[in-house]
N, C-alpha and C. Protein backbone atom coordinates (compact mmCIF):
# COMPACT_ATOMS: atom_id res chain seq x y z
N MET A 1 -21.92 14.19 -31.20
CA MET A 1 -21.83 12.75 -31.19
C MET A 1 -21.20 12.29 -29.87
N SER A 2 -21.72 11.25 -29.28
CA SER A 2 -21.26 10.75 -27.99
C SER A 2 -20.21 9.66 -28.17
N ASP A 3 -19.21 9.66 -27.27
CA ASP A 3 -18.18 8.61 -27.28
C ASP A 3 -18.53 7.49 -26.32
N SER A 4 -19.74 7.49 -25.79
CA SER A 4 -20.11 6.47 -24.82
C SER A 4 -20.24 5.12 -25.51
N LYS A 5 -19.95 4.10 -24.74
CA LYS A 5 -20.00 2.73 -25.23
C LYS A 5 -20.92 1.94 -24.33
N THR A 6 -21.61 1.02 -24.91
CA THR A 6 -22.48 0.14 -24.14
C THR A 6 -21.71 -1.15 -23.85
N TYR A 7 -21.74 -1.56 -22.59
CA TYR A 7 -21.06 -2.77 -22.16
C TYR A 7 -22.09 -3.83 -21.79
N SER A 8 -21.76 -5.08 -22.06
CA SER A 8 -22.58 -6.17 -21.55
C SER A 8 -22.33 -6.25 -20.04
N GLU A 9 -23.18 -6.94 -19.34
CA GLU A 9 -22.98 -7.11 -17.90
C GLU A 9 -21.65 -7.79 -17.63
N ALA A 10 -21.32 -8.84 -18.38
CA ALA A 10 -20.06 -9.56 -18.17
C ALA A 10 -18.86 -8.66 -18.43
N GLU A 11 -18.93 -7.81 -19.47
CA GLU A 11 -17.83 -6.89 -19.75
C GLU A 11 -17.67 -5.88 -18.62
N ALA A 12 -18.77 -5.39 -18.11
CA ALA A 12 -18.71 -4.44 -16.99
C ALA A 12 -18.13 -5.11 -15.75
N GLU A 13 -18.55 -6.34 -15.46
CA GLU A 13 -18.01 -7.08 -14.31
C GLU A 13 -16.50 -7.25 -14.44
N ARG A 14 -16.04 -7.65 -15.62
CA ARG A 14 -14.59 -7.83 -15.84
C ARG A 14 -13.86 -6.49 -15.71
N PHE A 15 -14.44 -5.43 -16.26
CA PHE A 15 -13.83 -4.11 -16.17
C PHE A 15 -13.61 -3.72 -14.71
N PHE A 16 -14.64 -3.87 -13.89
CA PHE A 16 -14.53 -3.47 -12.49
C PHE A 16 -13.64 -4.43 -11.69
N ALA A 17 -13.63 -5.71 -12.04
CA ALA A 17 -12.73 -6.65 -11.37
C ALA A 17 -11.29 -6.22 -11.56
N VAL A 18 -10.93 -5.90 -12.79
CA VAL A 18 -9.57 -5.47 -13.10
C VAL A 18 -9.28 -4.11 -12.47
N LYS A 19 -10.22 -3.20 -12.55
CA LYS A 19 -10.04 -1.85 -11.99
C LYS A 19 -9.78 -1.91 -10.48
N PHE A 20 -10.61 -2.66 -9.76
CA PHE A 20 -10.43 -2.76 -8.30
C PHE A 20 -9.16 -3.52 -7.94
N HIS A 21 -8.78 -4.48 -8.76
CA HIS A 21 -7.52 -5.19 -8.54
C HIS A 21 -6.36 -4.20 -8.60
N GLY A 22 -6.35 -3.36 -9.64
CA GLY A 22 -5.30 -2.35 -9.76
C GLY A 22 -5.31 -1.34 -8.63
N MET A 23 -6.50 -0.96 -8.20
CA MET A 23 -6.60 -0.01 -7.09
C MET A 23 -6.07 -0.63 -5.80
N THR A 24 -6.27 -1.94 -5.63
CA THR A 24 -5.72 -2.64 -4.47
C THR A 24 -4.20 -2.56 -4.50
N TRP A 25 -3.61 -2.85 -5.66
CA TRP A 25 -2.15 -2.79 -5.78
C TRP A 25 -1.62 -1.39 -5.55
N ASP A 26 -2.36 -0.38 -5.98
CA ASP A 26 -1.94 1.00 -5.71
C ASP A 26 -1.80 1.21 -4.20
N MET A 27 -2.72 0.68 -3.44
CA MET A 27 -2.67 0.82 -1.98
C MET A 27 -1.59 -0.06 -1.37
N LEU A 28 -1.42 -1.27 -1.89
CA LEU A 28 -0.37 -2.16 -1.38
C LEU A 28 1.00 -1.52 -1.56
N ASP A 29 1.20 -0.85 -2.68
CA ASP A 29 2.49 -0.24 -2.99
C ASP A 29 2.70 1.12 -2.36
N LYS A 30 1.68 1.65 -1.71
CA LYS A 30 1.76 2.99 -1.13
C LYS A 30 2.62 2.96 0.14
N PRO A 31 3.73 3.69 0.16
CA PRO A 31 4.63 3.62 1.32
C PRO A 31 4.07 4.27 2.58
N ASP A 32 3.23 5.25 2.45
CA ASP A 32 2.70 5.96 3.62
C ASP A 32 1.19 5.73 3.75
N ARG A 33 0.80 4.47 3.66
CA ARG A 33 -0.62 4.10 3.69
C ARG A 33 -1.23 4.45 5.05
N SER A 34 -2.33 5.17 5.01
CA SER A 34 -3.05 5.55 6.23
C SER A 34 -4.04 4.45 6.61
N MET A 35 -4.66 4.59 7.76
CA MET A 35 -5.71 3.64 8.18
C MET A 35 -6.86 3.66 7.17
N ASP A 36 -7.22 4.85 6.72
CA ASP A 36 -8.28 4.97 5.71
C ASP A 36 -7.87 4.26 4.42
N ASP A 37 -6.62 4.41 4.01
CA ASP A 37 -6.12 3.72 2.83
C ASP A 37 -6.21 2.20 3.01
N SER A 38 -5.88 1.74 4.20
CA SER A 38 -5.94 0.30 4.48
C SER A 38 -7.36 -0.22 4.38
N GLU A 39 -8.31 0.54 4.88
CA GLU A 39 -9.72 0.16 4.77
C GLU A 39 -10.15 0.10 3.30
N LYS A 40 -9.73 1.11 2.54
CA LYS A 40 -10.05 1.13 1.12
C LYS A 40 -9.43 -0.07 0.41
N MET A 41 -8.20 -0.40 0.77
CA MET A 41 -7.50 -1.52 0.15
C MET A 41 -8.27 -2.82 0.36
N ILE A 42 -8.77 -3.02 1.57
CA ILE A 42 -9.58 -4.20 1.86
C ILE A 42 -10.85 -4.18 0.99
N ASP A 43 -11.52 -3.04 0.95
CA ASP A 43 -12.73 -2.91 0.14
C ASP A 43 -12.45 -3.21 -1.33
N TYR A 44 -11.36 -2.64 -1.86
CA TYR A 44 -11.05 -2.82 -3.27
C TYR A 44 -10.77 -4.29 -3.59
N ALA A 45 -10.02 -4.97 -2.73
CA ALA A 45 -9.71 -6.38 -2.97
C ALA A 45 -10.98 -7.23 -2.93
N HIS A 46 -11.86 -6.97 -1.97
CA HIS A 46 -13.12 -7.70 -1.92
C HIS A 46 -14.00 -7.39 -3.13
N SER A 47 -14.00 -6.12 -3.54
CA SER A 47 -14.79 -5.73 -4.71
C SER A 47 -14.30 -6.43 -5.97
N SER A 48 -12.99 -6.50 -6.13
CA SER A 48 -12.43 -7.18 -7.29
C SER A 48 -12.89 -8.63 -7.32
N LEU A 49 -12.77 -9.31 -6.19
CA LEU A 49 -13.20 -10.71 -6.14
C LEU A 49 -14.70 -10.84 -6.40
N ALA A 50 -15.49 -9.95 -5.87
CA ALA A 50 -16.94 -10.01 -6.09
C ALA A 50 -17.27 -9.92 -7.58
N HIS A 51 -16.58 -9.04 -8.28
CA HIS A 51 -16.82 -8.92 -9.72
C HIS A 51 -16.31 -10.15 -10.47
N TRP A 52 -15.18 -10.70 -10.04
CA TRP A 52 -14.69 -11.92 -10.70
C TRP A 52 -15.64 -13.09 -10.47
N ARG A 53 -16.29 -13.13 -9.33
CA ARG A 53 -17.26 -14.21 -9.07
C ARG A 53 -18.37 -14.21 -10.11
N LYS A 54 -18.72 -13.03 -10.61
CA LYS A 54 -19.79 -12.91 -11.59
C LYS A 54 -19.30 -13.16 -13.02
N ALA A 55 -18.06 -12.81 -13.33
CA ALA A 55 -17.63 -12.82 -14.73
C ALA A 55 -16.32 -13.56 -14.97
N GLY A 56 -15.76 -14.16 -13.95
CA GLY A 56 -14.46 -14.79 -14.13
C GLY A 56 -14.52 -16.30 -14.14
N ARG A 57 -13.36 -16.87 -14.20
CA ARG A 57 -13.20 -18.32 -14.12
C ARG A 57 -12.47 -18.63 -12.81
N GLU A 58 -12.17 -19.89 -12.61
CA GLU A 58 -11.52 -20.29 -11.36
C GLU A 58 -10.16 -19.62 -11.19
N ILE A 59 -9.42 -19.42 -12.27
CA ILE A 59 -8.11 -18.76 -12.16
C ILE A 59 -8.27 -17.34 -11.59
N ASN A 60 -9.35 -16.67 -11.98
CA ASN A 60 -9.59 -15.33 -11.45
C ASN A 60 -9.95 -15.38 -9.97
N LEU A 61 -10.71 -16.38 -9.57
CA LEU A 61 -11.04 -16.55 -8.15
C LEU A 61 -9.77 -16.86 -7.36
N GLN A 62 -8.94 -17.74 -7.89
CA GLN A 62 -7.70 -18.10 -7.22
C GLN A 62 -6.85 -16.87 -6.97
N ARG A 63 -6.72 -16.05 -7.98
CA ARG A 63 -5.89 -14.84 -7.86
C ARG A 63 -6.56 -13.80 -6.96
N GLY A 64 -7.88 -13.78 -6.96
CA GLY A 64 -8.59 -12.89 -6.04
C GLY A 64 -8.39 -13.29 -4.59
N TYR A 65 -8.46 -14.60 -4.32
CA TYR A 65 -8.19 -15.09 -2.97
C TYR A 65 -6.75 -14.78 -2.58
N TRP A 66 -5.82 -14.98 -3.53
CA TRP A 66 -4.42 -14.67 -3.24
C TRP A 66 -4.27 -13.20 -2.85
N LEU A 67 -4.89 -12.31 -3.63
CA LEU A 67 -4.78 -10.88 -3.36
C LEU A 67 -5.34 -10.53 -1.98
N LEU A 68 -6.48 -11.10 -1.63
CA LEU A 68 -7.04 -10.86 -0.30
C LEU A 68 -6.10 -11.35 0.79
N SER A 69 -5.52 -12.51 0.59
CA SER A 69 -4.57 -13.03 1.57
C SER A 69 -3.38 -12.09 1.72
N ARG A 70 -2.88 -11.58 0.61
CA ARG A 70 -1.74 -10.65 0.67
C ARG A 70 -2.13 -9.37 1.40
N VAL A 71 -3.29 -8.84 1.09
CA VAL A 71 -3.76 -7.61 1.74
C VAL A 71 -3.82 -7.81 3.25
N TYR A 72 -4.46 -8.88 3.67
CA TYR A 72 -4.59 -9.11 5.12
C TYR A 72 -3.25 -9.42 5.77
N SER A 73 -2.35 -10.10 5.06
CA SER A 73 -1.01 -10.34 5.61
C SER A 73 -0.26 -9.03 5.81
N VAL A 74 -0.32 -8.17 4.80
CA VAL A 74 0.35 -6.87 4.88
C VAL A 74 -0.18 -6.07 6.06
N LEU A 75 -1.47 -6.23 6.34
CA LEU A 75 -2.10 -5.49 7.44
C LEU A 75 -1.98 -6.22 8.78
N HIS A 76 -1.22 -7.32 8.80
CA HIS A 76 -0.98 -8.11 10.01
C HIS A 76 -2.29 -8.66 10.59
N MET A 77 -3.20 -9.04 9.72
CA MET A 77 -4.49 -9.62 10.11
C MET A 77 -4.46 -11.10 9.73
N ALA A 78 -3.88 -11.90 10.64
CA ALA A 78 -3.56 -13.29 10.33
C ALA A 78 -4.77 -14.16 10.02
N GLU A 79 -5.85 -14.00 10.76
CA GLU A 79 -7.00 -14.90 10.57
C GLU A 79 -7.60 -14.79 9.16
N PRO A 80 -7.95 -13.59 8.69
CA PRO A 80 -8.47 -13.54 7.31
C PRO A 80 -7.38 -13.84 6.27
N ALA A 81 -6.13 -13.51 6.56
CA ALA A 81 -5.05 -13.84 5.62
C ALA A 81 -4.99 -15.35 5.41
N LEU A 82 -5.09 -16.10 6.48
CA LEU A 82 -5.04 -17.55 6.39
C LEU A 82 -6.30 -18.11 5.72
N LYS A 83 -7.45 -17.55 6.03
CA LYS A 83 -8.69 -17.98 5.39
C LYS A 83 -8.58 -17.89 3.86
N TYR A 84 -8.14 -16.74 3.36
CA TYR A 84 -8.07 -16.56 1.91
C TYR A 84 -6.91 -17.31 1.29
N ALA A 85 -5.82 -17.48 2.02
CA ALA A 85 -4.71 -18.30 1.50
C ALA A 85 -5.16 -19.74 1.32
N LYS A 86 -5.92 -20.25 2.27
CA LYS A 86 -6.42 -21.63 2.14
C LYS A 86 -7.40 -21.76 0.98
N GLN A 87 -8.23 -20.75 0.78
CA GLN A 87 -9.15 -20.78 -0.36
C GLN A 87 -8.37 -20.71 -1.67
N CYS A 88 -7.34 -19.89 -1.72
CA CYS A 88 -6.48 -19.80 -2.89
C CYS A 88 -5.87 -21.17 -3.20
N ARG A 89 -5.33 -21.80 -2.19
CA ARG A 89 -4.69 -23.11 -2.37
C ARG A 89 -5.70 -24.16 -2.81
N GLN A 90 -6.92 -24.12 -2.26
CA GLN A 90 -7.95 -25.09 -2.62
C GLN A 90 -8.35 -24.97 -4.08
N VAL A 91 -8.57 -23.75 -4.54
CA VAL A 91 -8.95 -23.55 -5.95
C VAL A 91 -7.79 -23.99 -6.86
N THR A 92 -6.57 -23.71 -6.44
CA THR A 92 -5.40 -24.13 -7.21
C THR A 92 -5.38 -25.65 -7.34
N SER A 93 -5.68 -26.34 -6.26
CA SER A 93 -5.70 -27.81 -6.27
C SER A 93 -6.86 -28.36 -7.08
N ASP A 94 -8.01 -27.72 -6.96
CA ASP A 94 -9.22 -28.22 -7.62
C ASP A 94 -9.24 -28.00 -9.12
N PHE A 95 -8.52 -26.98 -9.61
CA PHE A 95 -8.57 -26.63 -11.03
C PHE A 95 -7.15 -26.43 -11.60
N PRO A 96 -6.29 -27.44 -11.48
CA PRO A 96 -4.90 -27.26 -11.92
C PRO A 96 -4.77 -26.98 -13.41
N ASP A 97 -5.71 -27.47 -14.19
CA ASP A 97 -5.65 -27.25 -15.64
C ASP A 97 -5.93 -25.80 -16.03
N GLN A 98 -6.49 -25.02 -15.13
CA GLN A 98 -6.77 -23.61 -15.41
C GLN A 98 -5.68 -22.67 -14.91
N MET A 99 -4.71 -23.21 -14.20
CA MET A 99 -3.68 -22.38 -13.57
C MET A 99 -2.42 -22.32 -14.41
N GLU A 100 -1.69 -21.21 -14.24
CA GLU A 100 -0.34 -21.10 -14.78
C GLU A 100 0.60 -21.73 -13.76
N ASP A 101 1.81 -22.06 -14.16
CA ASP A 101 2.73 -22.71 -13.22
C ASP A 101 3.06 -21.82 -12.03
N PHE A 102 3.06 -20.51 -12.22
CA PHE A 102 3.37 -19.62 -11.10
C PHE A 102 2.21 -19.52 -10.10
N ASP A 103 0.99 -19.85 -10.52
CA ASP A 103 -0.14 -19.79 -9.58
C ASP A 103 0.04 -20.79 -8.45
N LEU A 104 0.57 -21.96 -8.75
CA LEU A 104 0.84 -22.95 -7.70
C LEU A 104 1.86 -22.40 -6.71
N ALA A 105 2.92 -21.83 -7.21
CA ALA A 105 3.95 -21.27 -6.33
C ALA A 105 3.37 -20.15 -5.46
N PHE A 106 2.57 -19.28 -6.06
CA PHE A 106 1.98 -18.18 -5.30
C PHE A 106 0.97 -18.69 -4.28
N SER A 107 0.32 -19.82 -4.54
CA SER A 107 -0.61 -20.34 -3.54
C SER A 107 0.14 -20.81 -2.29
N TYR A 108 1.31 -21.39 -2.48
CA TYR A 108 2.13 -21.77 -1.32
C TYR A 108 2.70 -20.53 -0.63
N GLU A 109 3.07 -19.52 -1.42
CA GLU A 109 3.57 -18.27 -0.83
C GLU A 109 2.51 -17.64 0.05
N ALA A 110 1.26 -17.63 -0.41
CA ALA A 110 0.17 -17.05 0.38
C ALA A 110 0.02 -17.78 1.70
N LEU A 111 0.07 -19.10 1.66
CA LEU A 111 -0.02 -19.87 2.91
C LEU A 111 1.17 -19.57 3.82
N ALA A 112 2.35 -19.54 3.25
CA ALA A 112 3.55 -19.28 4.07
C ALA A 112 3.45 -17.92 4.75
N ARG A 113 3.04 -16.90 4.00
CA ARG A 113 2.96 -15.55 4.55
C ARG A 113 1.86 -15.48 5.62
N ALA A 114 0.73 -16.11 5.37
CA ALA A 114 -0.37 -16.09 6.34
C ALA A 114 0.01 -16.85 7.61
N TYR A 115 0.67 -17.99 7.45
CA TYR A 115 1.13 -18.72 8.64
C TYR A 115 2.19 -17.93 9.40
N ALA A 116 3.03 -17.22 8.68
CA ALA A 116 4.01 -16.36 9.36
C ALA A 116 3.29 -15.28 10.16
N ALA A 117 2.27 -14.68 9.55
CA ALA A 117 1.49 -13.64 10.25
C ALA A 117 0.83 -14.19 11.50
N SER A 118 0.46 -15.48 11.45
CA SER A 118 -0.21 -16.09 12.60
C SER A 118 0.78 -16.61 13.64
N GLY A 119 2.08 -16.58 13.32
CA GLY A 119 3.09 -17.05 14.26
C GLY A 119 3.35 -18.54 14.22
N ASN A 120 2.83 -19.24 13.23
CA ASN A 120 3.00 -20.69 13.13
C ASN A 120 4.24 -20.99 12.30
N LYS A 121 5.37 -21.14 12.99
CA LYS A 121 6.66 -21.31 12.31
C LYS A 121 6.74 -22.61 11.51
N ASP A 122 6.20 -23.69 12.02
CA ASP A 122 6.28 -24.97 11.30
C ASP A 122 5.53 -24.92 9.97
N GLU A 123 4.29 -24.41 10.00
CA GLU A 123 3.51 -24.31 8.76
C GLU A 123 4.09 -23.26 7.83
N PHE A 124 4.61 -22.18 8.40
CA PHE A 124 5.30 -21.19 7.58
C PHE A 124 6.42 -21.86 6.80
N GLN A 125 7.30 -22.58 7.52
CA GLN A 125 8.48 -23.18 6.88
C GLN A 125 8.09 -24.20 5.84
N LYS A 126 7.12 -25.05 6.16
CA LYS A 126 6.66 -26.07 5.21
C LYS A 126 6.18 -25.42 3.91
N ASN A 127 5.35 -24.41 4.03
CA ASN A 127 4.79 -23.77 2.84
C ASN A 127 5.79 -22.87 2.13
N PHE A 128 6.69 -22.25 2.88
CA PHE A 128 7.74 -21.45 2.24
C PHE A 128 8.62 -22.36 1.40
N ASP A 129 8.98 -23.51 1.95
CA ASP A 129 9.82 -24.46 1.20
C ASP A 129 9.10 -24.94 -0.07
N LEU A 130 7.80 -25.22 0.05
CA LEU A 130 7.02 -25.63 -1.13
C LEU A 130 6.94 -24.49 -2.15
N ALA A 131 6.79 -23.26 -1.67
CA ALA A 131 6.75 -22.11 -2.58
C ALA A 131 8.08 -21.98 -3.31
N GLU A 132 9.16 -22.10 -2.57
CA GLU A 132 10.48 -21.99 -3.18
C GLU A 132 10.71 -23.10 -4.21
N GLU A 133 10.35 -24.31 -3.84
CA GLU A 133 10.52 -25.47 -4.73
C GLU A 133 9.70 -25.31 -6.01
N THR A 134 8.43 -24.99 -5.87
CA THR A 134 7.59 -24.84 -7.06
C THR A 134 7.98 -23.58 -7.84
N GLY A 135 8.42 -22.56 -7.14
CA GLY A 135 8.88 -21.35 -7.81
C GLY A 135 10.09 -21.60 -8.69
N ASN A 136 10.97 -22.47 -8.24
CA ASN A 136 12.16 -22.80 -9.03
C ASN A 136 11.83 -23.58 -10.29
N SER A 137 10.62 -24.15 -10.35
CA SER A 137 10.23 -24.91 -11.54
C SER A 137 9.34 -24.11 -12.50
N ILE A 138 9.15 -22.83 -12.23
CA ILE A 138 8.39 -21.98 -13.15
C ILE A 138 9.17 -21.91 -14.47
N MET A 139 8.48 -22.20 -15.56
CA MET A 139 9.15 -22.33 -16.85
C MET A 139 9.73 -21.02 -17.40
N LYS A 140 8.93 -19.96 -17.44
CA LYS A 140 9.41 -18.71 -18.02
C LYS A 140 10.35 -18.02 -17.04
N LYS A 141 11.52 -17.68 -17.54
CA LYS A 141 12.55 -17.07 -16.70
C LYS A 141 12.04 -15.80 -16.01
N GLU A 142 11.35 -14.92 -16.76
CA GLU A 142 10.89 -13.66 -16.15
C GLU A 142 9.84 -13.91 -15.07
N ASP A 143 8.98 -14.91 -15.26
CA ASP A 143 8.00 -15.26 -14.21
C ASP A 143 8.71 -15.84 -12.99
N ARG A 144 9.68 -16.70 -13.23
CA ARG A 144 10.45 -17.32 -12.15
C ARG A 144 11.19 -16.26 -11.33
N GLU A 145 11.82 -15.31 -12.03
CA GLU A 145 12.55 -14.25 -11.34
C GLU A 145 11.60 -13.33 -10.57
N TYR A 146 10.46 -13.00 -11.18
CA TYR A 146 9.47 -12.17 -10.49
C TYR A 146 8.99 -12.85 -9.21
N PHE A 147 8.67 -14.14 -9.34
CA PHE A 147 8.20 -14.88 -8.16
C PHE A 147 9.28 -14.91 -7.08
N GLY A 148 10.49 -15.22 -7.45
CA GLY A 148 11.58 -15.29 -6.47
C GLY A 148 11.79 -13.97 -5.75
N LYS A 149 11.71 -12.89 -6.49
CA LYS A 149 11.85 -11.56 -5.89
C LYS A 149 10.71 -11.29 -4.91
N ASP A 150 9.48 -11.62 -5.33
CA ASP A 150 8.32 -11.41 -4.46
C ASP A 150 8.38 -12.30 -3.22
N LEU A 151 8.80 -13.53 -3.41
CA LEU A 151 8.87 -14.47 -2.28
C LEU A 151 9.81 -13.96 -1.20
N HIS A 152 10.87 -13.32 -1.57
CA HIS A 152 11.86 -12.88 -0.59
C HIS A 152 11.67 -11.43 -0.15
N ALA A 153 10.55 -10.83 -0.55
CA ALA A 153 10.26 -9.44 -0.19
C ALA A 153 9.15 -9.39 0.85
N GLY A 154 9.01 -8.24 1.45
CA GLY A 154 7.90 -8.02 2.36
C GLY A 154 8.15 -8.53 3.77
N ASP A 155 7.12 -8.43 4.55
CA ASP A 155 7.19 -8.78 5.96
C ASP A 155 6.95 -10.27 6.15
N TRP A 156 7.93 -10.92 6.73
CA TRP A 156 7.79 -12.35 7.07
C TRP A 156 7.72 -12.52 8.59
N PHE A 157 7.39 -11.49 9.30
CA PHE A 157 7.08 -11.53 10.72
C PHE A 157 8.18 -12.18 11.55
N GLY A 158 9.43 -11.87 11.18
CA GLY A 158 10.57 -12.35 11.94
C GLY A 158 11.02 -13.76 11.60
N PHE A 159 10.37 -14.42 10.66
CA PHE A 159 10.75 -15.79 10.30
C PHE A 159 11.84 -15.83 9.24
N MET A 160 12.16 -14.68 8.66
CA MET A 160 13.24 -14.65 7.66
C MET A 160 14.13 -13.47 7.95
């Protein structure tokens, strides 16, 4: 008897979106990431978003754009980091009813980090302040603490 399961196309798309998202985080968290790992990380983040485009909602797209922005920021690639941060922020603005309160804070964080990577101190500061302000209004304590920890972690390209 076989243990194989049949998936609908939408179920398969969601499965791979989540799988590639997790694989991206594995690479983001890897302390000794090689150039090859960095290339894979970019591929995984794009793959996750591609699958969410087929089977997700706007919240999934928003988080996919955020992840791409984070990946490119971590890799010091300011132009694509800013591109995806702006897309993240736009989806957040266009579909506020689909977002959690922390999604708004993370959209400002993505912009702040991408502007820091690009060397734009004024836009960095404006968006960092907005991230901090909206982060402080996150309702669930554990989400608020997680956001605050993430906001103050990582490379801020000498701006913090």
